[in-house]
């Protein structure tokens, strides 16, 4: 009976390790929009948590988060924030920067949920 219990614990531990490895092990880096704008290269490729007011431009349609100092980061997919136009919103996602394409966050719904942040 004891060995079965021991193997069960090993099995549960292995399963938990496998699930954590499947999540990529990325840590979410909290960052303000000012930090993302001022040090975009340093955050490139990182999973970040940030917040700002949702804005939209119609042609071509795109969405971004903006702070009071007008630091901006594009948000994709736009549908994830479209219902929050004009509202302050916290998101979690992969930040990327390219000198010609600018700064953007691709929202990660699983990471957003894990951080207890709601994005529709």
PDB file of N, CA and C in Angstrom:
ATOM      1  N   UNK A   1       0.821  -1.185   0.000  1.00  0.00           N
ATOM      2  CA  UNK A   1       0.000   0.000   0.000  1.00  0.00           C
ATOM      3  C   UNK A   1       0.862   1.245   0.000  1.00  0.00           C
ATOM      4  N   UNK A   2       1.950   1.235   0.749  1.00  0.00           N
ATOM      5  CA  UNK A   2       2.819   2.390   0.848  1.00  0.00           C
ATOM      6  C   UNK A   2       3.449   2.728  -0.505  1.00  0.00           C
ATOM      7  N   UNK A   3       3.885   1.675  -1.263  1.00  0.00           N
ATOM      8  CA  UNK A   3       4.519   1.908  -2.553  1.00  0.00           C
ATOM      9  C   UNK A   3       3.548   2.537  -3.542  1.00  0.00           C
ATOM     10  N   UNK A   4       2.316   2.125  -3.517  1.00  0.00           N
ATOM     11  CA  UNK A   4       1.317   2.705  -4.413  1.00  0.00           C
ATOM     12  C   UNK A   4       1.146   4.194  -4.124  1.00  0.00           C
ATOM     13  N   UNK A   5       1.092   4.518  -2.844  1.00  0.00           N
ATOM     14  CA  UNK A   5       0.954   5.916  -2.471  1.00  0.00           C
ATOM     15  C   UNK A   5       2.174   6.709  -2.947  1.00  0.00           C
ATOM     16  N   UNK A   6       3.383   6.155  -2.788  1.00  0.00           N
ATOM     17  CA  UNK A   6       4.610   6.813  -3.230  1.00  0.00           C
ATOM     18  C   UNK A   6       4.617   7.041  -4.736  1.00  0.00           C
ATOM     19  N   UNK A   7       4.222   6.021  -5.496  1.00  0.00           N
ATOM     20  CA  UNK A   7       4.170   6.158  -6.947  1.00  0.00           C
ATOM     21  C   UNK A   7       3.131   7.190  -7.369  1.00  0.00           C
ATOM     22  N   UNK A   8       2.041   7.244  -6.653  1.00  0.00           N
ATOM     23  CA  UNK A   8       1.006   8.231  -6.948  1.00  0.00           C
ATOM     24  C   UNK A   8       1.570   9.643  -6.777  1.00  0.00           C
ATOM     25  N   UNK A   9       2.344   9.860  -5.732  1.00  0.00           N
ATOM     26  CA  UNK A   9       2.949  11.166  -5.498  1.00  0.00           C
ATOM     27  C   UNK A   9       3.946  11.506  -6.599  1.00  0.00           C
ATOM     28  N   UNK A  10       4.739  10.537  -7.024  1.00  0.00           N
ATOM     29  CA  UNK A  10       5.692  10.758  -8.110  1.00  0.00           C
ATOM     30  C   UNK A  10       4.938  11.101  -9.393  1.00  0.00           C
ATOM     31  N   UNK A  11       3.878  10.355  -9.680  1.00  0.00           N
ATOM     32  CA  UNK A  11       3.080  10.586 -10.885  1.00  0.00           C
ATOM     33  C   UNK A  11       2.470  11.986 -10.882  1.00  0.00           C
ATOM     34  N   UNK A  12       1.907  12.410  -9.762  1.00  0.00           N
ATOM     35  CA  UNK A  12       1.303  13.740  -9.655  1.00  0.00           C
ATOM     36  C   UNK A  12       2.375  14.813  -9.811  1.00  0.00           C
ATOM     37  N   UNK A  13       3.532  14.608  -9.191  1.00  0.00           N
ATOM     38  CA  UNK A  13       4.627  15.569  -9.332  1.00  0.00           C
ATOM     39  C   UNK A  13       5.103  15.690 -10.770  1.00  0.00           C
ATOM     40  N   UNK A  14       5.226  14.552 -11.451  1.00  0.00           N
ATOM     41  CA  UNK A  14       5.659  14.559 -12.848  1.00  0.00           C
ATOM     42  C   UNK A  14       4.628  15.252 -13.736  1.00  0.00           C
ATOM     43  N   UNK A  15       3.366  14.993 -13.468  1.00  0.00           N
ATOM     44  CA  UNK A  15       2.313  15.638 -14.242  1.00  0.00           C
ATOM     45  C   UNK A  15       2.334  17.149 -14.039  1.00  0.00           C
ATOM     46  N   UNK A  16       2.503  17.586 -12.812  1.00  0.00           N
ATOM     47  CA  UNK A  16       2.570  19.028 -12.528  1.00  0.00           C
ATOM     48  C   UNK A  16       3.761  19.656 -13.226  1.00  0.00           C
ATOM     49  N   UNK A  17       4.909  19.006 -13.212  1.00  0.00           N
ATOM     50  CA  UNK A  17       6.104  19.533 -13.881  1.00  0.00           C
ATOM     51  C   UNK A  17       5.882  19.626 -15.382  1.00  0.00           C
ATOM     52  N   UNK A  18       5.229  18.622 -15.945  1.00  0.00           N
ATOM     53  CA  UNK A  18       4.942  18.629 -17.376  1.00  0.00           C
ATOM     54  C   UNK A  18       4.015  19.785 -17.747  1.00  0.00           C
ATOM     55  N   UNK A  19       2.994  20.005 -16.940  1.00  0.00           N
ATOM     56  CA  UNK A  19       2.069  21.106 -17.211  1.00  0.00           C
ATOM     57  C   UNK A  19       2.765  22.458 -17.117  1.00  0.00           C
ATOM     58  N   UNK A  20       3.621  22.623 -16.125  1.00  0.00           N
ATOM     59  CA  UNK A  20       4.348  23.881 -16.000  1.00  0.00           C
ATOM     60  C   UNK A  20       5.307  24.077 -17.159  1.00  0.00           C
ATOM     61  N   UNK A  21       5.962  23.039 -17.598  1.00  0.00           N
ATOM     62  CA  UNK A  21       6.866  23.143 -18.745  1.00  0.00           C
ATOM     63  C   UNK A  21       6.096  23.494 -19.998  1.00  0.00           C
ATOM     64  N   UNK A  22       4.890  22.977 -20.133  1.00  0.00           N
ATOM     65  CA  UNK A  22       4.055  23.278 -21.292  1.00  0.00           C
ATOM     66  C   UNK A  22       3.623  24.725 -21.341  1.00  0.00           C
ATOM     67  N   UNK A  23       3.605  25.388 -20.205  1.00  0.00           N
ATOM     68  CA  UNK A  23       3.233  26.803 -20.159  1.00  0.00           C
ATOM     69  C   UNK A  23       4.377  27.696 -20.590  1.00  0.00           C
ATOM     70  N   UNK A  24       5.548  27.141 -20.841  1.00  0.00           N
ATOM     71  CA  UNK A  24       6.667  27.924 -21.295  1.00  0.00           C
ATOM     72  C   UNK A  24       7.500  28.504 -20.168  1.00  0.00           C
ATOM     73  N   UNK A  25       6.979  28.514 -18.963  1.00  0.00           N
ATOM     74  CA  UNK A  25       7.741  29.007 -17.844  1.00  0.00           C
ATOM     75  C   UNK A  25       7.993  30.506 -17.882  1.00  0.00           C
ATOM     76  N   UNK A  26       7.332  31.228 -18.764  1.00  0.00           N
ATOM     77  CA  UNK A  26       7.532  32.669 -18.856  1.00  0.00           C
ATOM     78  C   UNK A  26       6.993  33.353 -17.617  1.00  0.00           C
ATOM     79  N   UNK A  27       7.748  34.316 -17.147  1.00  0.00           N
ATOM     80  CA  UNK A  27       7.280  35.156 -16.055  1.00  0.00           C
ATOM     81  C   UNK A  27       6.751  36.437 -16.661  1.00  0.00           C
ATOM     82  N   UNK A  28       5.705  36.942 -16.078  1.00  0.00           N
ATOM     83  CA  UNK A  28       5.109  38.189 -16.549  1.00  0.00           C
ATOM     84  C   UNK A  28       5.872  39.350 -15.925  1.00  0.00           C
ATOM     85  N   UNK A  29       6.348  40.255 -16.777  1.00  0.00           N
ATOM     86  CA  UNK A  29       7.070  41.433 -16.304  1.00  0.00           C
ATOM     87  C   UNK A  29       6.108  42.614 -16.248  1.00  0.00           C
ATOM     88  N   UNK A  30       5.804  43.119 -15.042  1.00  0.00           N
ATOM     89  CA  UNK A  30       4.971  44.309 -14.974  1.00  0.00           C
ATOM     90  C   UNK A  30       5.739  45.492 -15.561  1.00  0.00           C
ATOM     91  N   UNK A  31       5.074  46.293 -16.391  1.00  0.00           N
ATOM     92  CA  UNK A  31       5.732  47.437 -17.017  1.00  0.00           C
ATOM     93  C   UNK A  31       4.696  48.511 -17.309  1.00  0.00           C
ATOM     94  N   UNK A  32       5.077  49.750 -17.102  1.00  0.00           N
ATOM     95  CA  UNK A  32       4.199  50.854 -17.482  1.00  0.00           C
ATOM     96  C   UNK A  32       4.364  51.100 -18.976  1.00  0.00           C
ATOM     97  N   UNK A  33       3.423  51.809 -19.556  1.00  0.00           N
ATOM     98  CA  UNK A  33       3.552  52.167 -20.970  1.00  0.00           C
ATOM     99  C   UNK A  33       4.781  53.046 -21.183  1.00  0.00           C
ATOM    100  N   UNK A  34       5.098  53.899 -20.212  1.00  0.00           N
ATOM    101  CA  UNK A  34       6.298  54.739 -20.320  1.00  0.00           C
ATOM    102  C   UNK A  34       7.558  53.876 -20.370  1.00  0.00           C
ATOM    103  N   UNK A  35       7.611  52.818 -19.576  1.00  0.00           N
ATOM    104  CA  UNK A  35       8.762  51.917 -19.602  1.00  0.00           C
ATOM    105  C   UNK A  35       8.854  51.192 -20.932  1.00  0.00           C
ATOM    106  N   UNK A  36       7.713  50.733 -21.447  1.00  0.00           N
ATOM    107  CA  UNK A  36       7.716  50.033 -22.730  1.00  0.00           C
ATOM    108  C   UNK A  36       8.143  50.960 -23.865  1.00  0.00           C
ATOM    109  N   UNK A  37       7.703  52.219 -23.807  1.00  0.00           N
ATOM    110  CA  UNK A  37       8.070  53.182 -24.851  1.00  0.00           C
ATOM    111  C   UNK A  37       9.537  53.591 -24.733  1.00  0.00           C
ATOM    112  N   UNK A  38      10.015  53.754 -23.505  1.00  0.00           N
ATOM    113  CA  UNK A  38      11.372  54.233 -23.300  1.00  0.00           C
ATOM    114  C   UNK A  38      12.458  53.185 -23.438  1.00  0.00           C
ATOM    115  N   UNK A  39      12.116  51.929 -23.264  1.00  0.00           N
ATOM    116  CA  UNK A  39      13.102  50.842 -23.339  1.00  0.00           C
ATOM    117  C   UNK A  39      12.530  49.678 -24.134  1.00  0.00           C
ATOM    118  N   UNK A  40      11.975  49.976 -25.291  1.00  0.00           N
ATOM    119  CA  UNK A  40      11.296  48.958 -26.100  1.00  0.00           C
ATOM    120  C   UNK A  40      12.203  47.780 -26.425  1.00  0.00           C
ATOM    121  N   UNK A  41      13.467  48.041 -26.741  1.00  0.00           N
ATOM    122  CA  UNK A  41      14.394  46.946 -27.062  1.00  0.00           C
ATOM    123  C   UNK A  41      14.565  45.986 -25.890  1.00  0.00           C
ATOM    124  N   UNK A  42      14.576  46.517 -24.677  1.00  0.00           N
ATOM    125  CA  UNK A  42      14.784  45.684 -23.494  1.00  0.00           C
ATOM    126  C   UNK A  42      13.600  44.750 -23.239  1.00  0.00           C
ATOM    127  N   UNK A  43      12.408  45.157 -23.642  1.00  0.00           N
ATOM    128  CA  UNK A  43      11.205  44.349 -23.407  1.00  0.00           C
ATOM    129  C   UNK A  43      10.819  43.487 -24.614  1.00  0.00           C
ATOM    130  N   UNK A  44      11.498  43.658 -25.736  1.00  0.00           N
ATOM    131  CA  UNK A  44      11.142  42.943 -26.962  1.00  0.00           C
ATOM    132  C   UNK A  44      11.124  41.438 -26.728  1.00  0.00           C
ATOM    133  N   UNK A  45       9.978  40.812 -27.017  1.00  0.00           N
ATOM    134  CA  UNK A  45       9.819  39.366 -26.851  1.00  0.00           C
ATOM    135  C   UNK A  45       9.365  38.938 -25.470  1.00  0.00           C
ATOM    136  N   UNK A  46       9.258  39.873 -24.534  1.00  0.00           N
ATOM    137  CA  UNK A  46       8.884  39.552 -23.162  1.00  0.00           C
ATOM    138  C   UNK A  46       7.372  39.483 -22.989  1.00  0.00           C
ATOM    139  N   UNK A  47       6.948  38.675 -22.029  1.00  0.00           N
ATOM    140  CA  UNK A  47       5.557  38.631 -21.607  1.00  0.00           C
ATOM    141  C   UNK A  47       5.392  39.733 -20.570  1.00  0.00           C
ATOM    142  N   UNK A  48       4.536  40.712 -20.860  1.00  0.00           N
ATOM    143  CA  UNK A  48       4.399  41.877 -19.986  1.00  0.00           C
ATOM    144  C   UNK A  48       2.957  42.054 -19.539  1.00  0.00           C
ATOM    145  N   UNK A  49       2.811  42.759 -18.426  1.00  0.00           N
ATOM    146  CA  UNK A  49       1.505  43.184 -17.937  1.00  0.00           C
ATOM    147  C   UNK A  49       1.554  44.703 -17.868  1.00  0.00           C
ATOM    148  N   UNK A  50       0.601  45.353 -18.524  1.00  0.00           N
ATOM    149  CA  UNK A  50       0.571  46.805 -18.539  1.00  0.00           C
ATOM    150  C   UNK A  50      -0.868  47.283 -18.596  1.00  0.00           C
ATOM    151  N   UNK A  51      -1.043  48.592 -18.464  1.00  0.00           N
ATOM    152  CA  UNK A  51      -2.396  49.122 -18.539  1.00  0.00           C
ATOM    153  C   UNK A  51      -2.377  50.509 -19.162  1.00  0.00           C
ATOM    154  N   UNK A  52      -3.519  50.864 -19.728  1.00  0.00           N
ATOM    155  CA  UNK A  52      -3.701  52.174 -20.322  1.00  0.00           C
ATOM    156  C   UNK A  52      -5.133  52.310 -20.805  1.00  0.00           C
ATOM    157  N   UNK A  53      -5.431  53.460 -21.381  1.00  0.00           N
ATOM    158  CA  UNK A  53      -6.763  53.723 -21.909  1.00  0.00           C
ATOM    159  C   UNK A  53      -6.812  53.224 -23.354  1.00  0.00           C
ATOM    160  N   UNK A  54      -7.881  52.514 -23.680  1.00  0.00           N
ATOM    161  CA  UNK A  54      -8.039  51.938 -25.013  1.00  0.00           C
ATOM    162  C   UNK A  54      -8.484  53.022 -26.000  1.00  0.00           C
ATOM    163  N   UNK A  55      -7.753  53.123 -27.113  1.00  0.00           N
ATOM    164  CA  UNK A  55      -8.081  54.053 -28.193  1.00  0.00           C
ATOM    165  C   UNK A  55      -8.182  53.278 -29.503  1.00  0.00           C
ATOM    166  N   UNK A  56      -8.848  53.907 -30.499  1.00  0.00           N
ATOM    167  CA  UNK A  56      -9.029  53.250 -31.794  1.00  0.00           C
ATOM    168  C   UNK A  56      -8.870  54.278 -32.911  1.00  0.00           C
ATOM    169  N   UNK A  57      -8.324  53.800 -34.019  1.00  0.00           N
ATOM    170  CA  UNK A  57      -8.280  54.578 -35.251  1.00  0.00           C
ATOM    171  C   UNK A  57      -9.037  53.771 -36.288  1.00  0.00           C
ATOM    172  N   UNK A  58      -9.843  54.451 -37.122  1.00  0.00           N
ATOM    173  CA  UNK A  58     -10.746  53.737 -38.026  1.00  0.00           C
ATOM    174  C   UNK A  58     -10.122  53.212 -39.317  1.00  0.00           C
ATOM    175  N   UNK A  59      -9.222  53.965 -39.947  1.00  0.00           N
ATOM    176  CA  UNK A  59      -8.765  53.564 -41.282  1.00  0.00           C
ATOM    177  C   UNK A  59      -7.257  53.635 -41.395  1.00  0.00           C
ATOM    178  N   UNK A  60      -6.541  52.535 -41.324  1.00  0.00           N
ATOM    179  CA  UNK A  60      -7.052  51.180 -41.083  1.00  0.00           C
ATOM    180  C   UNK A  60      -7.365  50.997 -39.596  1.00  0.00           C
ATOM    181  N   UNK A  61      -8.364  50.184 -39.337  1.00  0.00           N
ATOM    182  CA  UNK A  61      -8.789  49.978 -37.959  1.00  0.00           C
ATOM    183  C   UNK A  61      -7.674  49.327 -37.144  1.00  0.00           C
ATOM    184  N   UNK A  62      -7.329  49.988 -36.034  1.00  0.00           N
ATOM    185  CA  UNK A  62      -6.382  49.418 -35.089  1.00  0.00           C
ATOM    186  C   UNK A  62      -6.610  50.041 -33.718  1.00  0.00           C
ATOM    187  N   UNK A  63      -6.144  49.335 -32.690  1.00  0.00           N
ATOM    188  CA  UNK A  63      -6.361  49.722 -31.297  1.00  0.00           C
ATOM    189  C   UNK A  63      -5.019  49.846 -30.588  1.00  0.00           C
ATOM    190  N   UNK A  64      -4.987  50.707 -29.572  1.00  0.00           N
ATOM    191  CA  UNK A  64      -3.787  50.840 -28.770  1.00  0.00           C
ATOM    192  C   UNK A  64      -4.156  51.259 -27.356  1.00  0.00           C
ATOM    193  N   UNK A  65      -3.191  51.049 -26.447  1.00  0.00           N
ATOM    194  CA  UNK A  65      -3.300  51.543 -25.080  1.00  0.00           C
ATOM    195  C   UNK A  65      -2.457  52.809 -24.990  1.00  0.00           C
ATOM    196  N   UNK A  66      -2.952  53.779 -24.224  1.00  0.00           N
ATOM    197  CA  UNK A  66      -2.258  55.053 -24.097  1.00  0.00           C
ATOM    198  C   UNK A  66      -2.340  55.537 -22.661  1.00  0.00           C
ATOM    199  N   UNK A  67      -1.261  56.168 -22.175  1.00  0.00           N
ATOM    200  CA  UNK A  67      -1.280  56.749 -20.837  1.00  0.00           C
ATOM    201  C   UNK A  67      -1.420  58.264 -20.924  1.00  0.00           C
ATOM    202  N   UNK A  68      -1.399  58.944 -19.780  1.00  0.00           N
ATOM    203  CA  UNK A  68      -1.584  60.392 -19.743  1.00  0.00           C
ATOM    204  C   UNK A  68      -0.469  61.149 -20.454  1.00  0.00           C
ATOM    205  N   UNK A  69       0.717  60.550 -20.542  1.00  0.00           N
ATOM    206  CA  UNK A  69       1.853  61.188 -21.209  1.00  0.00           C
ATOM    207  C   UNK A  69       1.907  60.843 -22.703  1.00  0.00           C
ATOM    208  N   UNK A  70       0.865  60.217 -23.193  1.00  0.00           N
ATOM    209  CA  UNK A  70       0.707  59.819 -24.599  1.00  0.00           C
ATOM    210  C   UNK A  70       1.746  58.782 -25.031  1.00  0.00           C
ATOM    211  N   UNK A  71       2.148  57.907 -24.122  1.00  0.00           N
ATOM    212  CA  UNK A  71       2.932  56.730 -24.484  1.00  0.00           C
ATOM    213  C   UNK A  71       1.946  55.714 -25.012  1.00  0.00           C
ATOM    214  N   UNK A  72       2.241  55.146 -26.165  1.00  0.00           N
ATOM    215  CA  UNK A  72       1.286  54.258 -26.836  1.00  0.00           C
ATOM    216  C   UNK A  72       1.909  52.912 -27.177  1.00  0.00           C
ATOM    217  N   UNK A  73       1.059  51.874 -27.090  1.00  0.00           N
ATOM    218  CA  UNK A  73       1.432  50.533 -27.522  1.00  0.00           C
ATOM    219  C   UNK A  73       0.222  49.931 -28.214  1.00  0.00           C
ATOM    220  N   UNK A  74       0.419  49.476 -29.447  1.00  0.00           N
ATOM    221  CA  UNK A  74      -0.667  48.832 -30.200  1.00  0.00           C
ATOM    222  C   UNK A  74      -1.049  47.524 -29.520  1.00  0.00           C
ATOM    223  N   UNK A  75      -2.322  47.145 -29.665  1.00  0.00           N
ATOM    224  CA  UNK A  75      -2.844  45.916 -29.065  1.00  0.00           C
ATOM    225  C   UNK A  75      -3.440  45.056 -30.172  1.00  0.00           C
ATOM    226  N   UNK A  76      -3.024  43.787 -30.208  1.00  0.00           N
ATOM    227  CA  UNK A  76      -3.615  42.831 -31.141  1.00  0.00           C
ATOM    228  C   UNK A  76      -4.013  41.581 -30.360  1.00  0.00           C
ATOM    229  N   UNK A  77      -5.071  40.927 -30.710  1.00  0.00           N
ATOM    230  CA  UNK A  77      -6.061  41.366 -31.690  1.00  0.00           C
ATOM    231  C   UNK A  77      -6.924  42.499 -31.130  1.00  0.00           C
ATOM    232  N   UNK A  78      -7.303  43.395 -31.987  1.00  0.00           N
ATOM    233  CA  UNK A  78      -8.124  44.529 -31.587  1.00  0.00           C
ATOM    234  C   UNK A  78      -9.459  44.123 -31.003  1.00  0.00           C
ATOM    235  N   UNK A  79      -9.986  42.995 -31.461  1.00  0.00           N
ATOM    236  CA  UNK A  79     -11.280  42.519 -30.958  1.00  0.00           C
ATOM    237  C   UNK A  79     -11.248  42.273 -29.459  1.00  0.00           C
ATOM    238  N   UNK A  80     -10.059  41.990 -28.929  1.00  0.00           N
ATOM    239  CA  UNK A  80      -9.941  41.694 -27.506  1.00  0.00           C
ATOM    240  C   UNK A  80     -10.178  42.921 -26.638  1.00  0.00           C
ATOM    241  N   UNK A  81     -10.004  44.122 -27.208  1.00  0.00           N
ATOM    242  CA  UNK A  81     -10.177  45.350 -26.424  1.00  0.00           C
ATOM    243  C   UNK A  81     -11.254  46.266 -26.978  1.00  0.00           C
ATOM    244  N   UNK A  82     -11.844  45.914 -28.104  1.00  0.00           N
ATOM    245  CA  UNK A  82     -12.809  46.782 -28.789  1.00  0.00           C
ATOM    246  C   UNK A  82     -13.970  47.203 -27.899  1.00  0.00           C
ATOM    247  N   UNK A  83     -14.419  46.355 -27.033  1.00  0.00           N
ATOM    248  CA  UNK A  83     -15.541  46.671 -26.158  1.00  0.00           C
ATOM    249  C   UNK A  83     -15.179  47.581 -24.992  1.00  0.00           C
ATOM    250  N   UNK A  84     -13.916  47.999 -24.920  1.00  0.00           N
ATOM    251  CA  UNK A  84     -13.446  48.820 -23.797  1.00  0.00           C
ATOM    252  C   UNK A  84     -12.932  50.183 -24.253  1.00  0.00           C
ATOM    253  N   UNK A  85     -13.382  50.633 -25.401  1.00  0.00           N
ATOM    254  CA  UNK A  85     -12.943  51.915 -25.944  1.00  0.00           C
ATOM    255  C   UNK A  85     -13.148  53.029 -24.919  1.00  0.00           C
ATOM    256  N   UNK A  86     -12.090  53.788 -24.654  1.00  0.00           N
ATOM    257  CA  UNK A  86     -12.157  54.882 -23.699  1.00  0.00           C
ATOM    258  C   UNK A  86     -11.980  54.475 -22.247  1.00  0.00           C
ATOM    259  N   UNK A  87     -11.858  53.190 -21.971  1.00  0.00           N
ATOM    260  CA  UNK A  87     -11.703  52.688 -20.599  1.00  0.00           C
ATOM    261  C   UNK A  87     -10.243  52.359 -20.312  1.00  0.00           C
ATOM    262  N   UNK A  88      -9.873  52.461 -19.020  1.00  0.00           N
ATOM    263  CA  UNK A  88      -8.553  52.006 -18.578  1.00  0.00           C
ATOM    264  C   UNK A  88      -8.623  50.487 -18.476  1.00  0.00           C
ATOM    265  N   UNK A  89      -7.641  49.821 -19.084  1.00  0.00           N
ATOM    266  CA  UNK A  89      -7.658  48.367 -19.154  1.00  0.00           C
ATOM    267  C   UNK A  89      -6.265  47.821 -18.873  1.00  0.00           C
ATOM    268  N   UNK A  90      -6.196  46.712 -18.141  1.00  0.00           N
ATOM    269  CA  UNK A  90      -4.932  46.007 -17.864  1.00  0.00           C
ATOM    270  C   UNK A  90      -4.902  44.757 -18.746  1.00  0.00           C
ATOM    271  N   UNK A  91      -3.773  44.539 -19.417  1.00  0.00           N
ATOM    272  CA  UNK A  91      -3.630  43.376 -20.287  1.00  0.00           C
ATOM    273  C   UNK A  91      -2.305  42.686 -20.014  1.00  0.00           C
ATOM    274  N   UNK A  92      -2.249  41.423 -20.403  1.00  0.00           N
ATOM    275  CA  UNK A  92      -1.020  40.642 -20.365  1.00  0.00           C
ATOM    276  C   UNK A  92      -0.816  40.086 -21.763  1.00  0.00           C
ATOM    277  N   UNK A  93       0.401  40.210 -22.261  1.00  0.00           N
ATOM    278  CA  UNK A  93       0.678  39.681 -23.590  1.00  0.00           C
ATOM    279  C   UNK A  93       2.139  39.794 -23.952  1.00  0.00           C
ATOM    280  N   UNK A  94       2.447  39.290 -25.140  1.00  0.00           N
ATOM    281  CA  UNK A  94       3.820  39.300 -25.650  1.00  0.00           C
ATOM    282  C   UNK A  94       4.092  40.651 -26.298  1.00  0.00           C
ATOM    283  N   UNK A  95       5.085  41.373 -25.774  1.00  0.00           N
ATOM    284  CA  UNK A  95       5.465  42.684 -26.304  1.00  0.00           C
ATOM    285  C   UNK A  95       6.514  42.504 -27.385  1.00  0.00           C
ATOM    286  N   UNK A  96       6.330  43.198 -28.495  1.00  0.00           N
ATOM    287  CA  UNK A  96       7.346  43.192 -29.548  1.00  0.00           C
ATOM    288  C   UNK A  96       7.601  44.621 -30.007  1.00  0.00           C
ATOM    289  N   UNK A  97       8.817  44.823 -30.483  1.00  0.00           N
ATOM    290  CA  UNK A  97       9.195  46.133 -30.993  1.00  0.00           C
ATOM    291  C   UNK A  97       9.979  45.967 -32.284  1.00  0.00           C
ATOM    292  N   UNK A  98       9.628  46.779 -33.264  1.00  0.00           N
ATOM    293  CA  UNK A  98      10.355  46.837 -34.525  1.00  0.00           C
ATOM    294  C   UNK A  98      10.437  48.313 -34.907  1.00  0.00           C
ATOM    295  N   UNK A  99      11.628  48.798 -35.289  1.00  0.00           N
ATOM    296  CA  UNK A  99      11.782  50.224 -35.590  1.00  0.00           C
ATOM    297  C   UNK A  99      10.798  50.760 -36.635  1.00  0.00           C
ATOM    298  N   UNK A 100      10.391  49.927 -37.575  1.00  0.00           N
ATOM    299  CA  UNK A 100       9.471  50.386 -38.620  1.00  0.00           C
ATOM    300  C   UNK A 100       8.009  50.105 -38.306  1.00  0.00           C
ATOM    301  N   UNK A 101       7.746  49.043 -37.550  1.00  0.00           N
ATOM    302  CA  UNK A 101       6.355  48.682 -37.231  1.00  0.00           C
ATOM    303  C   UNK A 101       5.905  49.168 -35.865  1.00  0.00           C
ATOM    304  N   UNK A 102       6.843  49.578 -35.027  1.00  0.00           N
ATOM    305  CA  UNK A 102       6.501  50.132 -33.726  1.00  0.00           C
ATOM    306  C   UNK A 102       6.383  49.104 -32.615  1.00  0.00           C
ATOM    307  N   UNK A 103       5.671  49.513 -31.561  1.00  0.00           N
ATOM    308  CA  UNK A 103       5.497  48.696 -30.354  1.00  0.00           C
ATOM    309  C   UNK A 103       4.104  48.079 -30.367  1.00  0.00           C
ATOM    310  N   UNK A 104       4.035  46.796 -29.960  1.00  0.00           N
ATOM    311  CA  UNK A 104       2.715  46.172 -29.856  1.00  0.00           C
ATOM    312  C   UNK A 104       2.724  45.046 -28.840  1.00  0.00           C
ATOM    313  N   UNK A 105       1.517  44.762 -28.345  1.00  0.00           N
ATOM    314  CA  UNK A 105       1.308  43.652 -27.415  1.00  0.00           C
ATOM    315  C   UNK A 105       0.288  42.718 -28.039  1.00  0.00           C
ATOM    316  N   UNK A 106       0.680  41.469 -28.191  1.00  0.00           N
ATOM    317  CA  UNK A 106      -0.273  40.452 -28.628  1.00  0.00           C
ATOM    318  C   UNK A 106      -0.840  39.829 -27.358  1.00  0.00           C
ATOM    319  N   UNK A 107      -2.111  40.119 -27.115  1.00  0.00           N
ATOM    320  CA  UNK A 107      -2.744  39.685 -25.871  1.00  0.00           C
ATOM    321  C   UNK A 107      -2.727  38.168 -25.761  1.00  0.00           C
ATOM    322  N   UNK A 108      -2.350  37.698 -24.591  1.00  0.00           N
ATOM    323  CA  UNK A 108      -2.322  36.271 -24.272  1.00  0.00           C
ATOM    324  C   UNK A 108      -3.468  35.988 -23.301  1.00  0.00           C
ATOM    325  N   UNK A 109      -4.589  35.430 -23.803  1.00  0.00           N
ATOM    326  CA  UNK A 109      -5.749  35.216 -22.935  1.00  0.00           C
ATOM    327  C   UNK A 109      -5.455  34.327 -21.732  1.00  0.00           C
ATOM    328  N   UNK A 110      -4.641  33.289 -21.907  1.00  0.00           N
ATOM    329  CA  UNK A 110      -4.340  32.387 -20.791  1.00  0.00           C
ATOM    330  C   UNK A 110      -3.527  33.106 -19.722  1.00  0.00           C
ATOM    331  N   UNK A 111      -2.525  33.860 -20.131  1.00  0.00           N
ATOM    332  CA  UNK A 111      -1.706  34.597 -19.166  1.00  0.00           C
ATOM    333  C   UNK A 111      -2.523  35.700 -18.509  1.00  0.00           C
ATOM    334  N   UNK A 112      -3.408  36.316 -19.277  1.00  0.00           N
ATOM    335  CA  UNK A 112      -4.272  37.356 -18.721  1.00  0.00           C
ATOM    336  C   UNK A 112      -5.174  36.761 -17.644  1.00  0.00           C
ATOM    337  N   UNK A 113      -5.750  35.607 -17.928  1.00  0.00           N
ATOM    338  CA  UNK A 113      -6.611  34.942 -16.943  1.00  0.00           C
ATOM    339  C   UNK A 113      -5.803  34.525 -15.720  1.00  0.00           C
ATOM    340  N   UNK A 114      -4.591  34.012 -15.940  1.00  0.00           N
ATOM    341  CA  UNK A 114      -3.749  33.579 -14.825  1.00  0.00           C
ATOM    342  C   UNK A 114      -3.360  34.744 -13.924  1.00  0.00           C
ATOM    343  N   UNK A 115      -3.261  35.917 -14.504  1.00  0.00           N
ATOM    344  CA  UNK A 115      -2.913  37.114 -13.715  1.00  0.00           C
ATOM    345  C   UNK A 115      -4.160  37.729 -13.090  1.00  0.00           C
ATOM    346  N   UNK A 116      -5.296  37.066 -13.267  1.00  0.00           N
ATOM    347  CA  UNK A 116      -6.569  37.539 -12.732  1.00  0.00           C
ATOM    348  C   UNK A 116      -6.950  38.899 -13.306  1.00  0.00           C
ATOM    349  N   UNK A 117      -6.697  39.040 -14.600  1.00  0.00           N
ATOM    350  CA  UNK A 117      -7.014  40.256 -15.340  1.00  0.00           C
ATOM    351  C   UNK A 117      -8.047  39.864 -16.373  1.00  0.00           C
ATOM    352  N   UNK A 118      -9.081  40.684 -16.545  1.00  0.00           N
ATOM    353  CA  UNK A 118     -10.123  40.299 -17.488  1.00  0.00           C
ATOM    354  C   UNK A 118     -10.053  41.084 -18.771  1.00  0.00           C
ATOM    355  N   UNK A 119     -10.004  40.363 -19.860  1.00  0.00           N
ATOM    356  CA  UNK A 119     -10.129  40.916 -21.210  1.00  0.00           C
ATOM    357  C   UNK A 119     -11.122  40.030 -21.916  1.00  0.00           C
ATOM    358  N   UNK A 120     -12.160  40.608 -22.522  1.00  0.00           N
ATOM    359  CA  UNK A 120     -13.170  39.756 -23.158  1.00  0.00           C
ATOM    360  C   UNK A 120     -12.615  38.957 -24.318  1.00  0.00           C
TER     361      UNK A 120
END
